Structure formats: C-alpha cells, structure tokens
Amino acid sequence: MKKRSWSGLLCLAMAAVMLAGCGGREKAGTSEPDKKTSGKNELVMGVSSSVTNLNKHLETMKEGWLMLGAVYDELYMKTDSETRYYLADSVELSDDGKTVTLKLKDDLKWHDGEPITADDVIFSLDVNADPDNGAGYANAVYIGDRPVSYKKADDLTVEITLPEPSASYVTILGTLPLLPAHVYGNDTDIKANSEANLKGIGSGPYKVKEFKNGEYLELERFDDYYGDRPAIDKVVYKVIPDTSAQEVALQKGEINFMEVSSQAAADMYEGDKDITVHTFPEGRVNYLACNKFSDTFSDPKVKEAIYAALDGEEIVKGAYGADMGTAANTIFSNATQYHDKDIKGYEQDTGKAEKLVKETGLDGKTLKLVYNQDRAFMKETALIVQQQLKDVGIRLEVEGMESNGFFDRVFGDASDYDLYFNGYGAFGDPDEVISGMFDGTWGINLEVSEDQLDLWKQGRSAADDKERAGIYKELQEKAVEDMSIYPIAYPNYVFATSSSLEGADELQTNPVFEDYTKLSFK
C-alpha cells in the first residue's frame, strides 16, 4: 500500500488549485445601493462549520481550508501556462527529472516577525515524513511508496532528490504550506502540540487576531507581508451553521460571502443588484463505477448495457442544474492539466441497451447501487439513474450510506453490491489524486487494464510537457475504451458575494481565494 492516507487525499483534494473557466455572473435588477458590511473595510465570510485548530497541515475539511487560506501562503502555484510564485523565488527540475531545487524569496517573515528560511522547509517536510502525526501532505515526501530525500543547501535553498523521475512532483510541492519550526521547537509531533496549533503563526497577507472555536476567526492585515499590501483591512470568518440564516445575513449585509449549495439558491439571487453569483470549476469528477468483485460483471456486455442506457446531460441537468455542474467527458476534470475537451464520452443508445439487457439476462435481475448520502447531488443522481435503467428493463435498488461506512465498503473487496457513485479531486496535475483512483492506491474494485496502468506510469515519468500531453490524451481515450468508470459530472464551486467586492474572479481557485491581495471593495 502506498504511503498516502485518505485524510491526505481529502486535504489535497481541497487544496487551492489553479483553475481555468467561468467568471462571475453579474446580476441586474433593483436600484438599491450596494451594501458594504457594517460600512467597514472588512470581508465577512459566512461558513457552516469551524476549524478546530489553526494548523493547516491538520485540517481536512473544506471550511478549514477556506478559513486558513489567508493565513498561510503557498510556495508557488503551477498551471499549464505559468507558475505563480509566492514564498518561493524559483523551483527547478533537473534534466533527469530526479532533483528539485527550491529557493525561497529573501526577507520573508512569519507573523511573529521571525524570518522564514530553508529550515522551515526542512521542518515542514520532516513533519509530513512522520506517519503518525496527522499531517496531510505525504505526497511531498513520497513518490508512490518510496521516500524522497532532501537537504538544506543554504539559508534559502533546499535540494530534494526523488527516488524516480516524477514530472508531477514539482506541481505537488508548490502547494505545501510551510510551518514555523521555531514555534514548534522543531518537534515534528505537531498533533500533540495544541498550544502551537492554536497560535496560527503563518506567512500569508493576514494574521490571526482572535479565534473563538465554533463562532468566528478574525484576521487582520499583516503589515510586513512580502507581497502587495492587502486593500481590505480585516477578514472575518463567521460560523453560521444554518444555510437559511447565511442567506438572510447576506441579504442584510451582515456577511458579504457565502457558498451556494443548490441551483435553487443560485436562482434566488437573479435580479438582485447587490449580490453577484460566481461559478468556478471545483476540480472534481463525480462518477458511476461498476464493482469488479460483483459476479454481475463477469460478462463485459453488462457494463456496456448500463452505459448505453444513461444520458449524462440529462442526469446533470436534473440532479445539479445549470450553475452547479457540467456533464463530464473523461476521467480528467475541466480543471485538470491536459484535460481534452474534444474527447467524446459515452452516448445514450437505448436500443442497444435494451438488446444487451435481454442478451445478458439483466431483465431478470435486480442490481444494487450504493452512494454517499453526505455528498451533494448523489441522491438526486441515483434516482435519475434508477429511472433511466428502468426505461431499458434494468431494475435498480439504491442505498444511501454515511461517509465512513461508504468508503470502507467501496474501497475494499465487498461483493454484495454492483454499482456505486463516488467523486475524486481532479485538479492540477493528473498524477496527483486521479492516478490513485485507478492504480489501486485508494481502492481496488475498479477494472483497469494493464495498458492504462502503463500510460499512468509513462505520464508520471515524462519530463517534456508536449510528451506528457500526448500520453494523457491517449490515457483519457483508453479509459473511455476500457469503460473504467462512467464520468457523470464536473461539479462547480458556486458562491455569492456582495457586488461591491472586486477581484473575486481574478484567480479562480478552490477553496477561494488563492491571493487575498487581489480583493477590494468599490
């Protein structure tokens, strides 16, 4: 088993990542003046739950990633077209793809005034090399199940040696948040250091002013920040568990940011001049999969019949809505590097499906599908799929499960169900989370061909960008041919803000915002 943990996957899948795509959608209508929360130069963001500590390495929930985004800066953010440097001044990969040289900017400071140096990089890597402390960035210190080695070259430079060539490692390393070694006394057992974890000494444009667990996190501008001076004086994350209460607070101007969780909620703001709805690709793939341990799929024509019965566009339209997601075409999302939008996904052919149902004897069976009832859109998707299969003569029983039991079941070798819905992070480099979904890292119940596994290896080790693009195009086509999964939707991250907030669409990342210095009020 590779060294990565499921909690690490959740962390990384929520990490701020570069996304290309849709911008904000301005609303037109009433003529009331724009509201600025309490008349102050402060951003107040409504969140449904609170962080429990202020150490980003220990945070696994998306609300936590949102709340700590302004406190900790990334080293850099790498996309297909550019690298945006934050704490790092440069990063270089050797010609053989095995040595990474990372250099920090000079004169960086922690929020307590201490310098940020290569020692902090080494400490942050050491923290993640410790398998027992709960840190969520194991991919920064392991390539597969083999550890990387690293050393301090000078006060600002760290050299990292990889056990094998990995073109994706450079992208992964960029999202590593540094921890202040001096605050933790160089003790990598961060899980046990509750006092340090509550200090929240970070490197970002805002520093912690006050934190009250379950109520709010208040940040103030960090005047010694190395980058552009933030235009907004204060950022406050206000915990409001009830969505309806958040909506009221937004409309009254008590908050000026909230996540939108349904199409009905997005539609509610049509015609409201004071509120803008923003839509970003979330960087996920929600999909239907066949359990290879079920005897149902001993005949490959069964899977073919199911795929031919489905209409992905209709599923997304009915379960998600126009703003909340788009129909998927490959195992890469529309926020994954090398995603090929021109590859054709599966098309509905009910005549073919009905014929195969009779040939395989599916019309005499009842199949079982399980889904994670804690994930958005899964129940609605299950009901639509149930009906589409019924239309071609396939009976489907659906069962919603809570998260822990669901993952224990579908990532193991259970054979008492046939189909399941799941989703995975599909952002940035495809060798990050996506490869783990197909090579056995996260689960073992997908049927994946040796040819496809070989393409994953080729894509990981190819250093030339054009070569990687060609490999990943072939890989996406091969996954469609293999019928590895049925990609259903690319969910969107949708949020509403006061229309007076500017810069929310400048860098489209999830969770928002990659760079808080881009934000300002009119």
Protein backbone atom coordinates (compact mmCIF):
# COMPACT_ATOMS: atom_id res chain seq x y z
CA MET A 1 0.00 0.00 0.00
CA LYS A 2 1.31 3.43 -0.87
CA LYS A 3 2.10 5.83 1.91
CA ARG A 4 -0.67 8.30 1.21
CA SER A 5 -3.62 8.43 3.60
CA TRP A 6 -7.29 9.05 2.92
CA SER A 7 -7.17 12.17 5.07
CA GLY A 8 -4.27 13.35 2.94
CA LEU A 9 -6.38 12.84 -0.16
CA LEU A 10 -9.15 14.96 1.35
CA CYS A 11 -6.65 17.70 2.22
CA LEU A 12 -5.06 17.74 -1.18
CA ALA A 13 -8.33 17.45 -2.98
CA MET A 14 -9.42 20.66 -1.22
CA ALA A 15 -6.10 22.41 -1.72
CA ALA A 16 -6.15 25.73 -3.55
CA VAL A 17 -5.51 24.90 -7.18
CA MET A 18 -5.36 26.79 -10.42
CA LEU A 19 -8.50 26.51 -12.45
CA ALA A 20 -9.41 27.89 -15.84
CA GLY A 21 -13.02 28.61 -16.71
CA CYS A 22 -16.10 30.62 -15.88
CA GLY A 23 -16.12 34.07 -14.35
CA GLY A 24 -18.65 35.84 -12.16
CA ARG A 25 -22.18 36.44 -13.31
CA GLU A 26 -23.36 39.97 -12.64
CA LYS A 27 -26.94 40.41 -11.51
CA ALA A 28 -29.16 43.21 -12.74
CA GLY A 29 -32.41 44.46 -11.31
CA THR A 30 -33.17 46.57 -8.24
CA SER A 31 -31.70 50.04 -7.89
CA GLU A 32 -30.83 49.92 -4.20
CA PRO A 33 -27.22 50.97 -3.41
CA ASP A 34 -24.53 48.33 -2.91
CA LYS A 35 -24.07 47.30 0.70
CA LYS A 36 -20.68 47.13 2.44
CA THR A 37 -20.79 45.00 5.58
CA SER A 38 -21.32 47.31 8.59
CA GLY A 39 -19.88 50.15 6.48
CA LYS A 40 -16.38 48.87 7.25
CA ASN A 41 -13.50 47.84 5.01
CA GLU A 42 -13.79 44.20 6.04
CA LEU A 43 -14.66 40.94 4.34
CA VAL A 44 -17.05 38.84 6.43
CA MET A 45 -17.41 35.29 5.10
CA GLY A 46 -20.18 33.01 6.27
CA VAL A 47 -19.08 29.39 6.87
CA SER A 48 -21.10 26.40 8.01
CA SER A 49 -18.52 24.97 10.43
CA SER A 50 -15.33 25.99 12.19
CA VAL A 51 -11.73 24.91 12.21
CA THR A 52 -10.71 23.30 15.50
CA ASN A 53 -7.09 24.41 15.27
CA LEU A 54 -5.06 26.86 13.19
CA ASN A 55 -2.53 24.44 11.70
CA LYS A 56 -3.29 23.92 8.01
CA HIS A 57 -1.43 20.60 7.97
CA LEU A 58 -4.02 19.13 10.33
CA GLU A 59 -7.09 20.49 8.55
CA THR A 60 -9.09 18.17 6.29
CA MET A 61 -12.43 19.95 5.79
CA LYS A 62 -13.04 22.49 3.04
CA GLU A 63 -14.33 25.07 5.55
CA GLY A 64 -10.97 24.82 7.33
CA TRP A 65 -9.07 25.25 4.09
CA LEU A 66 -11.15 28.34 3.34
CA MET A 67 -10.63 29.85 6.79
CA LEU A 68 -6.86 29.32 6.79
CA GLY A 69 -6.28 30.35 3.19
CA ALA A 70 -5.31 33.93 4.03
CA VAL A 71 -3.08 32.85 6.94
CA TYR A 72 -0.71 30.52 5.05
CA ASP A 73 0.81 31.19 1.63
CA GLU A 74 1.77 28.50 -0.86
CA LEU A 75 5.30 28.15 -2.11
CA TYR A 76 4.02 28.62 -5.66
CA MET A 77 1.09 27.61 -7.86
CA LYS A 78 1.88 25.83 -11.12
CA THR A 79 -0.51 25.62 -14.07
CA ASP A 80 -0.22 24.51 -17.69
CA SER A 81 0.68 28.04 -18.74
CA GLU A 82 2.54 29.62 -15.83
CA THR A 83 3.99 29.34 -12.34
CA ARG A 84 2.82 31.98 -9.84
CA TYR A 85 5.45 32.36 -7.13
CA TYR A 86 4.54 33.20 -3.53
CA LEU A 87 7.04 32.21 -0.81
CA ALA A 88 9.32 30.61 -3.40
CA ASP A 89 11.59 32.65 -5.64
CA SER A 90 12.21 29.75 -8.04
CA VAL A 91 11.88 26.00 -8.49
CA GLU A 92 13.92 23.94 -10.92
CA LEU A 93 13.73 20.31 -12.03
CA SER A 94 16.90 18.63 -13.30
CA ASP A 95 17.04 17.18 -16.81
CA ASP A 96 16.80 13.64 -15.46
CA GLY A 97 13.60 14.54 -13.54
CA LYS A 98 15.02 13.47 -10.17
CA THR A 99 16.39 16.62 -8.49
CA VAL A 100 14.23 19.58 -7.44
CA THR A 101 15.93 22.79 -6.31
CA LEU A 102 13.65 25.12 -4.33
CA LYS A 103 14.74 28.65 -3.46
CA LEU A 104 12.79 30.96 -1.15
CA LYS A 105 12.40 34.71 -1.53
CA ASP A 106 14.70 36.79 0.65
CA ASP A 107 13.45 38.70 3.72
CA LEU A 108 10.29 36.65 4.24
CA LYS A 109 8.78 36.91 7.73
CA TRP A 110 6.44 34.85 9.85
CA HIS A 111 3.57 36.70 11.51
CA ASP A 112 5.59 36.88 14.74
CA GLY A 113 8.43 38.66 12.90
CA GLU A 114 10.85 35.73 12.73
CA PRO A 115 12.50 35.03 9.32
CA ILE A 116 11.21 32.27 7.03
CA THR A 117 14.17 30.14 5.94
CA ALA A 118 15.14 26.79 4.44
CA ASP A 119 15.00 25.37 7.96
CA ASP A 120 11.23 25.83 7.88
CA VAL A 121 11.03 23.97 4.56
CA ILE A 122 13.05 21.08 6.03
CA PHE A 123 10.86 21.05 9.15
CA SER A 124 7.64 21.03 7.09
CA LEU A 125 8.92 18.10 5.04
CA ASP A 126 10.01 16.28 8.21
CA VAL A 127 6.52 16.77 9.66
CA ASN A 128 4.96 15.00 6.68
CA ALA A 129 7.55 12.22 6.74
CA ASP A 130 6.25 11.30 10.20
CA PRO A 131 3.34 8.90 9.51
CA ASP A 132 1.78 9.22 12.96
CA ASN A 133 1.17 12.94 13.42
CA GLY A 134 -1.81 13.53 11.14
CA ALA A 135 -0.15 15.84 8.63
CA GLY A 136 -1.86 15.83 5.26
CA TYR A 137 0.95 16.32 2.72
CA ALA A 138 2.55 12.89 2.42
CA ASN A 139 2.83 13.36 -1.36
CA ALA A 140 5.51 15.97 -0.73
CA VAL A 141 7.79 13.36 0.85
CA TYR A 142 6.83 10.18 -1.02
CA ILE A 143 6.76 9.20 -4.67
CA GLY A 144 4.35 6.30 -4.56
CA ASP A 145 5.60 4.36 -1.53
CA ARG A 146 9.24 5.47 -1.86
CA PRO A 147 10.54 8.40 0.21
CA VAL A 148 12.24 11.44 -1.24
CA SER A 149 15.44 12.76 0.35
CA TYR A 150 16.18 16.44 0.97
CA LYS A 151 18.85 18.71 2.39
CA LYS A 152 19.48 22.37 3.10
CA ALA A 153 21.83 23.90 0.53
CA ASP A 154 21.89 27.38 2.11
CA ASP A 155 19.60 29.56 4.22
CA LEU A 156 17.11 29.97 1.37
CA THR A 157 17.64 26.82 -0.72
CA VAL A 158 16.57 23.19 -0.35
CA GLU A 159 17.56 20.36 -2.69
CA ILE A 160 15.14 17.43 -2.99
CA THR A 161 16.16 14.14 -4.57
CA LEU A 162 13.39 11.89 -5.92
CA PRO A 163 13.66 8.09 -5.92
CA GLU A 164 12.44 8.05 -9.54
CA PRO A 165 11.62 10.68 -12.18
CA SER A 166 8.34 12.44 -11.49
CA ALA A 167 7.18 15.37 -13.59
CA SER A 168 4.20 15.85 -11.28
CA TYR A 169 6.22 16.33 -8.09
CA VAL A 170 7.02 19.96 -8.85
CA THR A 171 3.31 20.81 -9.01
CA ILE A 172 2.60 18.93 -5.78
CA LEU A 173 5.44 20.59 -3.87
CA GLY A 174 4.13 24.06 -4.66
CA THR A 175 1.01 23.66 -2.52
CA LEU A 176 2.95 22.68 0.62
CA PRO A 177 2.19 25.24 3.39
CA LEU A 178 5.28 25.90 5.50
CA LEU A 179 5.14 25.58 9.27
CA PRO A 180 7.34 27.73 11.55
CA ALA A 181 9.95 25.41 13.02
CA HIS A 182 10.68 27.76 15.91
CA VAL A 183 7.04 27.81 17.07
CA TYR A 184 7.03 24.01 17.28
CA GLY A 185 10.52 23.77 18.75
CA ASN A 186 11.49 21.62 15.74
CA ASP A 187 9.27 18.86 17.16
CA THR A 188 7.53 17.08 14.28
CA ASP A 189 4.82 15.67 16.55
CA ILE A 190 2.55 18.57 15.65
CA LYS A 191 -0.61 16.69 16.58
CA ALA A 192 0.39 16.77 20.24
CA ASN A 193 1.34 20.47 20.28
CA SER A 194 -2.07 22.00 20.86
CA GLU A 195 -0.68 25.33 22.06
CA ALA A 196 1.34 25.90 18.88
CA ASN A 197 -1.55 24.75 16.70
CA LEU A 198 -3.78 27.45 18.18
CA LYS A 199 -1.29 30.27 17.57
CA GLY A 200 -1.74 30.19 13.81
CA ILE A 201 1.62 31.80 13.08
CA GLY A 202 1.55 31.89 9.29
CA SER A 203 3.07 33.52 6.24
CA GLY A 204 0.08 34.97 4.39
CA PRO A 205 -1.26 38.50 3.92
CA TYR A 206 -3.44 38.29 7.05
CA LYS A 207 -2.57 37.22 10.58
CA VAL A 208 -4.75 35.85 13.35
CA LYS A 209 -6.25 38.47 15.64
CA GLU A 210 -8.81 36.37 17.50
CA PHE A 211 -10.20 32.86 17.27
CA LYS A 212 -13.27 31.57 19.09
CA ASN A 213 -13.91 27.94 18.20
CA GLY A 214 -17.37 27.42 16.76
CA GLU A 215 -18.05 31.15 16.42
CA TYR A 216 -15.50 33.07 14.35
CA LEU A 217 -11.93 33.54 13.18
CA GLU A 218 -10.86 37.17 12.85
CA LEU A 219 -7.80 38.14 10.80
CA GLU A 220 -6.07 41.47 10.39
CA ARG A 221 -3.71 42.74 7.72
CA PHE A 222 -0.06 41.71 8.14
CA ASP A 223 1.91 44.89 7.57
CA ASP A 224 5.26 43.11 6.99
CA TYR A 225 3.86 40.92 4.21
CA TYR A 226 6.34 40.47 1.35
CA GLY A 227 3.73 40.83 -1.40
CA ASP A 228 1.27 43.52 -2.38
CA ARG A 229 -0.42 45.31 0.50
CA PRO A 230 -3.93 43.93 1.02
CA ALA A 231 -6.61 46.52 0.27
CA ILE A 232 -9.06 45.10 2.83
CA ASP A 233 -8.30 45.80 6.50
CA LYS A 234 -9.86 42.74 8.08
CA VAL A 235 -11.16 39.28 7.11
CA VAL A 236 -13.66 37.57 9.40
CA TYR A 237 -14.98 34.01 9.02
CA LYS A 238 -18.31 33.86 10.82
CA VAL A 239 -19.70 30.42 11.66
CA ILE A 240 -23.38 30.20 10.68
CA PRO A 241 -24.37 26.51 10.51
CA ASP A 242 -27.81 27.09 9.02
CA THR A 243 -27.83 27.88 5.30
CA SER A 244 -31.05 29.88 5.52
CA ALA A 245 -29.51 32.04 8.23
CA GLN A 246 -26.50 32.66 5.99
CA GLU A 247 -28.81 33.75 3.17
CA VAL A 248 -30.57 36.23 5.45
CA ALA A 249 -27.23 37.56 6.71
CA LEU A 250 -26.00 38.07 3.13
CA GLN A 251 -29.15 39.90 2.08
CA LYS A 252 -28.98 42.14 5.17
CA GLY A 253 -25.31 42.94 4.54
CA GLU A 254 -24.11 41.26 7.75
CA ILE A 255 -21.83 39.00 5.69
CA ASN A 256 -20.56 39.53 2.16
CA PHE A 257 -19.66 35.95 1.15
CA MET A 258 -21.38 32.57 1.33
CA GLU A 259 -21.19 29.29 -0.56
CA VAL A 260 -24.20 28.44 -2.74
CA SER A 261 -25.11 24.77 -2.46
CA SER A 262 -28.02 24.33 -4.87
CA GLN A 263 -29.44 25.63 -8.12
CA ALA A 264 -32.49 26.92 -6.29
CA ALA A 265 -30.24 29.04 -4.06
CA ALA A 266 -28.34 30.41 -7.07
CA ASP A 267 -31.61 31.28 -8.83
CA MET A 268 -32.77 33.16 -5.74
CA TYR A 269 -30.27 35.94 -6.44
CA GLU A 270 -31.43 36.57 -10.03
CA GLY A 271 -32.31 40.24 -10.33
CA ASP A 272 -30.55 41.26 -7.11
CA LYS A 273 -28.20 44.13 -7.94
CA ASP A 274 -26.44 43.89 -4.58
CA ILE A 275 -25.36 40.25 -4.93
CA THR A 276 -23.12 38.58 -7.52
CA VAL A 277 -23.04 34.81 -8.03
CA HIS A 278 -19.63 33.37 -9.03
CA THR A 279 -19.13 29.97 -10.65
CA PHE A 280 -15.75 28.19 -10.69
CA PRO A 281 -14.90 24.64 -11.77
CA GLU A 282 -14.49 22.75 -8.49
CA GLY A 283 -11.85 20.37 -9.82
CA ARG A 284 -13.69 17.11 -9.17
CA VAL A 285 -15.16 14.23 -11.13
CA ASN A 286 -18.36 12.61 -9.88
CA TYR A 287 -18.81 9.21 -11.45
CA LEU A 288 -20.62 5.88 -11.63
CA ALA A 289 -18.49 2.74 -11.22
CA CYS A 290 -19.03 -0.99 -11.53
CA ASN A 291 -17.75 -3.16 -8.70
CA LYS A 292 -15.38 -5.69 -10.25
CA PHE A 293 -15.95 -8.07 -7.32
CA SER A 294 -19.62 -8.43 -8.23
CA ASP A 295 -20.42 -11.52 -10.31
CA THR A 296 -22.80 -9.35 -12.32
CA PHE A 297 -19.90 -8.05 -14.41
CA SER A 298 -18.38 -11.40 -15.35
CA ASP A 299 -19.96 -10.66 -18.73
CA PRO A 300 -18.49 -7.34 -20.04
CA LYS A 301 -21.67 -6.72 -22.03
CA VAL A 302 -23.47 -5.96 -18.74
CA LYS A 303 -21.38 -2.85 -18.22
CA GLU A 304 -21.88 -1.93 -21.87
CA ALA A 305 -25.66 -2.21 -21.45
CA ILE A 306 -25.66 0.07 -18.37
CA TYR A 307 -23.50 2.74 -20.01
CA ALA A 308 -25.66 2.71 -23.16
CA ALA A 309 -28.77 3.27 -21.03
CA LEU A 310 -27.53 6.50 -19.45
CA ASP A 311 -27.86 10.10 -20.61
CA GLY A 312 -25.21 12.13 -18.80
CA GLU A 313 -26.52 15.51 -19.93
CA GLU A 314 -29.98 14.70 -18.60
CA ILE A 315 -28.52 13.47 -15.29
CA VAL A 316 -26.55 16.68 -14.73
CA LYS A 317 -29.45 18.89 -15.78
CA GLY A 318 -31.84 17.13 -13.42
CA ALA A 319 -29.58 16.49 -10.42
CA TYR A 320 -27.28 19.52 -10.50
CA GLY A 321 -28.74 22.38 -12.53
CA ALA A 322 -27.20 24.90 -14.91
CA ASP A 323 -24.80 26.52 -12.42
CA MET A 324 -23.85 23.63 -10.17
CA GLY A 325 -22.12 21.30 -12.64
CA THR A 326 -21.41 20.31 -16.24
CA ALA A 327 -21.55 16.92 -17.93
CA ALA A 328 -18.22 15.06 -17.86
CA ASN A 329 -16.47 13.56 -20.86
CA THR A 330 -13.27 11.96 -19.45
CA ILE A 331 -11.70 10.78 -16.20
CA PHE A 332 -9.93 14.18 -16.07
CA SER A 333 -11.97 17.17 -14.96
CA ASN A 334 -12.24 20.53 -16.67
CA ALA A 335 -9.74 21.76 -14.06
CA THR A 336 -7.12 19.06 -14.68
CA GLN A 337 -3.97 19.82 -16.63
CA TYR A 338 -4.08 18.07 -20.03
CA HIS A 339 -7.87 17.63 -19.94
CA ASP A 340 -9.05 17.07 -23.51
CA LYS A 341 -12.46 18.64 -24.04
CA ASP A 342 -12.74 17.13 -27.52
CA ILE A 343 -12.77 13.50 -26.39
CA LYS A 344 -16.25 12.04 -26.76
CA GLY A 345 -17.72 10.47 -23.67
CA TYR A 346 -20.48 7.89 -23.61
CA GLU A 347 -23.65 8.48 -25.59
CA GLN A 348 -27.07 7.12 -24.76
CA ASP A 349 -28.33 4.36 -27.07
CA THR A 350 -31.47 2.85 -25.55
CA GLY A 351 -31.98 0.44 -28.44
CA LYS A 352 -28.54 -1.04 -27.92
CA ALA A 353 -29.11 -1.11 -24.14
CA GLU A 354 -32.42 -2.95 -24.44
CA LYS A 355 -30.86 -5.55 -26.75
CA LEU A 356 -27.93 -6.15 -24.39
CA VAL A 357 -30.24 -6.36 -21.38
CA LYS A 358 -32.02 -9.30 -22.96
CA GLU A 359 -28.80 -10.95 -24.20
CA THR A 360 -27.19 -10.86 -20.76
CA GLY A 361 -30.26 -11.72 -18.71
CA LEU A 362 -30.26 -8.39 -16.90
CA ASP A 363 -34.01 -8.16 -17.29
CA GLY A 364 -34.32 -10.96 -14.74
CA LYS A 365 -32.10 -9.38 -12.09
CA THR A 366 -32.17 -6.53 -9.58
CA LEU A 367 -28.89 -4.63 -9.31
CA LYS A 368 -27.81 -2.71 -6.21
CA LEU A 369 -26.23 0.75 -6.19
CA VAL A 370 -24.73 2.47 -3.12
CA TYR A 371 -23.91 6.15 -2.75
CA ASN A 372 -22.53 8.55 -0.16
CA GLN A 373 -25.56 10.29 1.31
CA ASP A 374 -23.32 13.00 2.81
CA ARG A 375 -22.20 14.22 -0.64
CA ALA A 376 -24.21 16.77 -2.61
CA PHE A 377 -26.17 15.65 -5.69
CA MET A 378 -25.62 11.91 -5.10
CA LYS A 379 -29.18 11.07 -4.04
CA GLU A 380 -30.68 13.05 -6.90
CA THR A 381 -28.30 11.38 -9.35
CA ALA A 382 -29.22 7.93 -8.03
CA LEU A 383 -32.92 8.50 -8.60
CA ILE A 384 -32.40 9.67 -12.19
CA VAL A 385 -30.08 6.76 -12.99
CA GLN A 386 -32.58 4.38 -11.43
CA GLN A 387 -35.25 5.68 -13.82
CA GLN A 388 -33.00 5.62 -16.89
CA LEU A 389 -32.08 1.99 -16.22
CA LYS A 390 -35.70 1.11 -15.59
CA ASP A 391 -36.55 2.52 -19.03
CA VAL A 392 -34.41 -0.19 -20.69
CA GLY A 393 -35.54 -3.01 -18.43
CA ILE A 394 -32.95 -2.93 -15.60
CA ARG A 395 -34.24 -2.92 -12.03
CA LEU A 396 -32.03 -0.95 -9.63
CA GLU A 397 -32.12 -0.81 -5.83
CA VAL A 398 -30.38 2.27 -4.39
CA GLU A 399 -28.92 2.68 -0.88
CA GLY A 400 -27.52 5.85 0.69
CA MET A 401 -24.72 5.40 3.22
CA GLU A 402 -22.90 7.72 5.63
CA SER A 403 -19.36 8.62 4.62
CA ASN A 404 -17.22 6.36 6.79
CA GLY A 405 -19.19 3.22 6.08
CA PHE A 406 -19.40 4.09 2.40
CA PHE A 407 -15.64 4.39 1.89
CA ASP A 408 -14.93 1.27 3.93
CA ARG A 409 -17.30 -0.60 1.65
CA VAL A 410 -16.44 0.68 -1.81
CA PHE A 411 -12.66 0.82 -1.38
CA GLY A 412 -12.50 -2.80 -0.26
CA ASP A 413 -13.37 -6.13 -1.84
CA ALA A 414 -17.04 -6.40 -0.86
CA SER A 415 -19.14 -8.17 -3.49
CA ASP A 416 -22.66 -7.53 -2.14
CA TYR A 417 -23.37 -4.52 -4.37
CA ASP A 418 -22.98 -3.89 -8.08
CA LEU A 419 -22.66 -0.15 -8.71
CA TYR A 420 -21.66 2.93 -6.76
CA PHE A 421 -21.35 6.69 -7.08
CA ASN A 422 -18.23 8.46 -5.90
CA GLY A 423 -16.18 11.59 -6.63
CA TYR A 424 -12.49 12.41 -6.61
CA GLY A 425 -10.32 15.51 -6.71
CA ALA A 426 -9.20 16.14 -10.28
CA PHE A 427 -7.25 19.37 -10.25
CA GLY A 428 -3.81 20.44 -11.39
CA ASP A 429 -1.50 17.61 -12.31
CA PRO A 430 -3.32 14.36 -13.20
CA ASP A 431 -0.74 12.31 -11.31
CA GLU A 432 -1.96 13.82 -8.05
CA VAL A 433 -5.25 12.29 -6.93
CA ILE A 434 -6.63 10.89 -10.20
CA SER A 435 -3.90 8.32 -10.74
CA GLY A 436 -4.50 6.94 -7.26
CA MET A 437 -8.12 6.26 -8.12
CA PHE A 438 -7.09 3.92 -10.93
CA ASP A 439 -3.80 2.33 -9.85
CA GLY A 440 -5.06 0.75 -6.63
CA THR A 441 -3.82 3.41 -4.19
CA TRP A 442 -7.27 4.39 -2.91
CA GLY A 443 -9.39 1.40 -3.86
CA ILE A 444 -9.16 -1.97 -5.56
CA ASN A 445 -12.60 -2.52 -7.04
CA LEU A 446 -12.17 -0.83 -10.44
CA GLU A 447 -11.33 -2.90 -13.51
CA VAL A 448 -8.30 -1.13 -15.04
CA SER A 449 -6.35 -2.53 -17.99
CA GLU A 450 -2.60 -3.04 -17.95
CA ASP A 451 -2.34 -0.71 -20.95
CA GLN A 452 -3.97 2.07 -18.96
CA LEU A 453 -1.72 1.47 -15.95
CA ASP A 454 1.31 1.66 -18.23
CA LEU A 455 0.12 5.02 -19.57
CA TRP A 456 -0.14 6.34 -15.99
CA LYS A 457 3.50 5.37 -15.43
CA GLN A 458 4.59 6.95 -18.70
CA GLY A 459 2.81 10.21 -17.88
CA ARG A 460 4.39 10.38 -14.43
CA SER A 461 7.95 9.98 -15.67
CA ALA A 462 7.84 12.01 -18.91
CA ALA A 463 9.60 15.33 -18.30
CA ASP A 464 8.73 17.00 -21.61
CA ASP A 465 5.38 18.81 -21.44
CA LYS A 466 4.33 18.02 -25.01
CA GLU A 467 5.15 14.37 -24.47
CA ARG A 468 3.04 14.31 -21.30
CA ALA A 469 0.13 15.97 -23.10
CA GLY A 470 0.20 13.26 -25.77
CA ILE A 471 0.34 10.48 -23.19
CA TYR A 472 -2.55 11.89 -21.18
CA LYS A 473 -4.68 12.34 -24.30
CA GLU A 474 -4.14 8.67 -25.10
CA LEU A 475 -4.87 7.77 -21.46
CA GLN A 476 -8.20 9.59 -21.46
CA GLU A 477 -9.19 7.87 -24.70
CA LYS A 478 -8.12 4.49 -23.30
CA ALA A 479 -10.21 4.98 -20.16
CA VAL A 480 -13.30 5.58 -22.32
CA GLU A 481 -12.50 2.47 -24.37
CA ASP A 482 -11.97 0.38 -21.22
CA MET A 483 -15.20 1.68 -19.65
CA SER A 484 -13.22 2.08 -16.41
CA ILE A 485 -15.88 4.41 -14.97
CA TYR A 486 -18.79 6.45 -16.28
CA PRO A 487 -17.79 10.11 -15.61
CA ILE A 488 -21.04 11.92 -14.86
CA ALA A 489 -20.33 15.49 -13.76
CA TYR A 490 -17.73 18.14 -13.17
CA PRO A 491 -19.22 19.97 -10.15
CA ASN A 492 -18.83 23.72 -9.82
CA TYR A 493 -17.90 25.71 -6.75
CA VAL A 494 -20.54 28.42 -6.56
CA PHE A 495 -20.56 31.32 -4.13
CA ALA A 496 -22.37 34.62 -3.68
CA THR A 497 -20.76 37.90 -2.67
CA SER A 498 -21.76 41.47 -2.18
CA SER A 499 -21.50 43.10 -5.61
CA SER A 500 -19.20 45.72 -4.10
CA LEU A 501 -16.46 43.08 -3.72
CA GLU A 502 -13.98 43.23 -6.59
CA GLY A 503 -11.29 40.73 -7.62
CA ALA A 504 -13.20 37.58 -6.63
CA ASP A 505 -12.86 36.14 -10.15
CA GLU A 506 -9.24 37.13 -10.82
CA LEU A 507 -7.64 33.83 -9.76
CA GLN A 508 -10.14 31.01 -9.87
CA THR A 509 -9.16 28.54 -7.19
CA ASN A 510 -10.98 26.26 -4.81
CA PRO A 511 -11.24 26.92 -1.97
CA VAL A 512 -11.24 30.63 -2.67
CA PHE A 513 -9.19 32.77 -2.60
CA GLU A 514 -5.67 31.98 -3.81
CA ASP A 515 -4.48 35.57 -3.33
CA TYR A 516 -6.41 37.80 -0.94
CA THR A 517 -4.42 40.85 -2.04
CA LYS A 518 -6.46 40.80 -5.27
CA LEU A 519 -9.63 41.61 -3.32
CA SER A 520 -11.01 45.08 -2.66
CA PHE A 521 -14.27 46.92 -2.24
CA LYS A 522 -15.62 49.53 -4.65
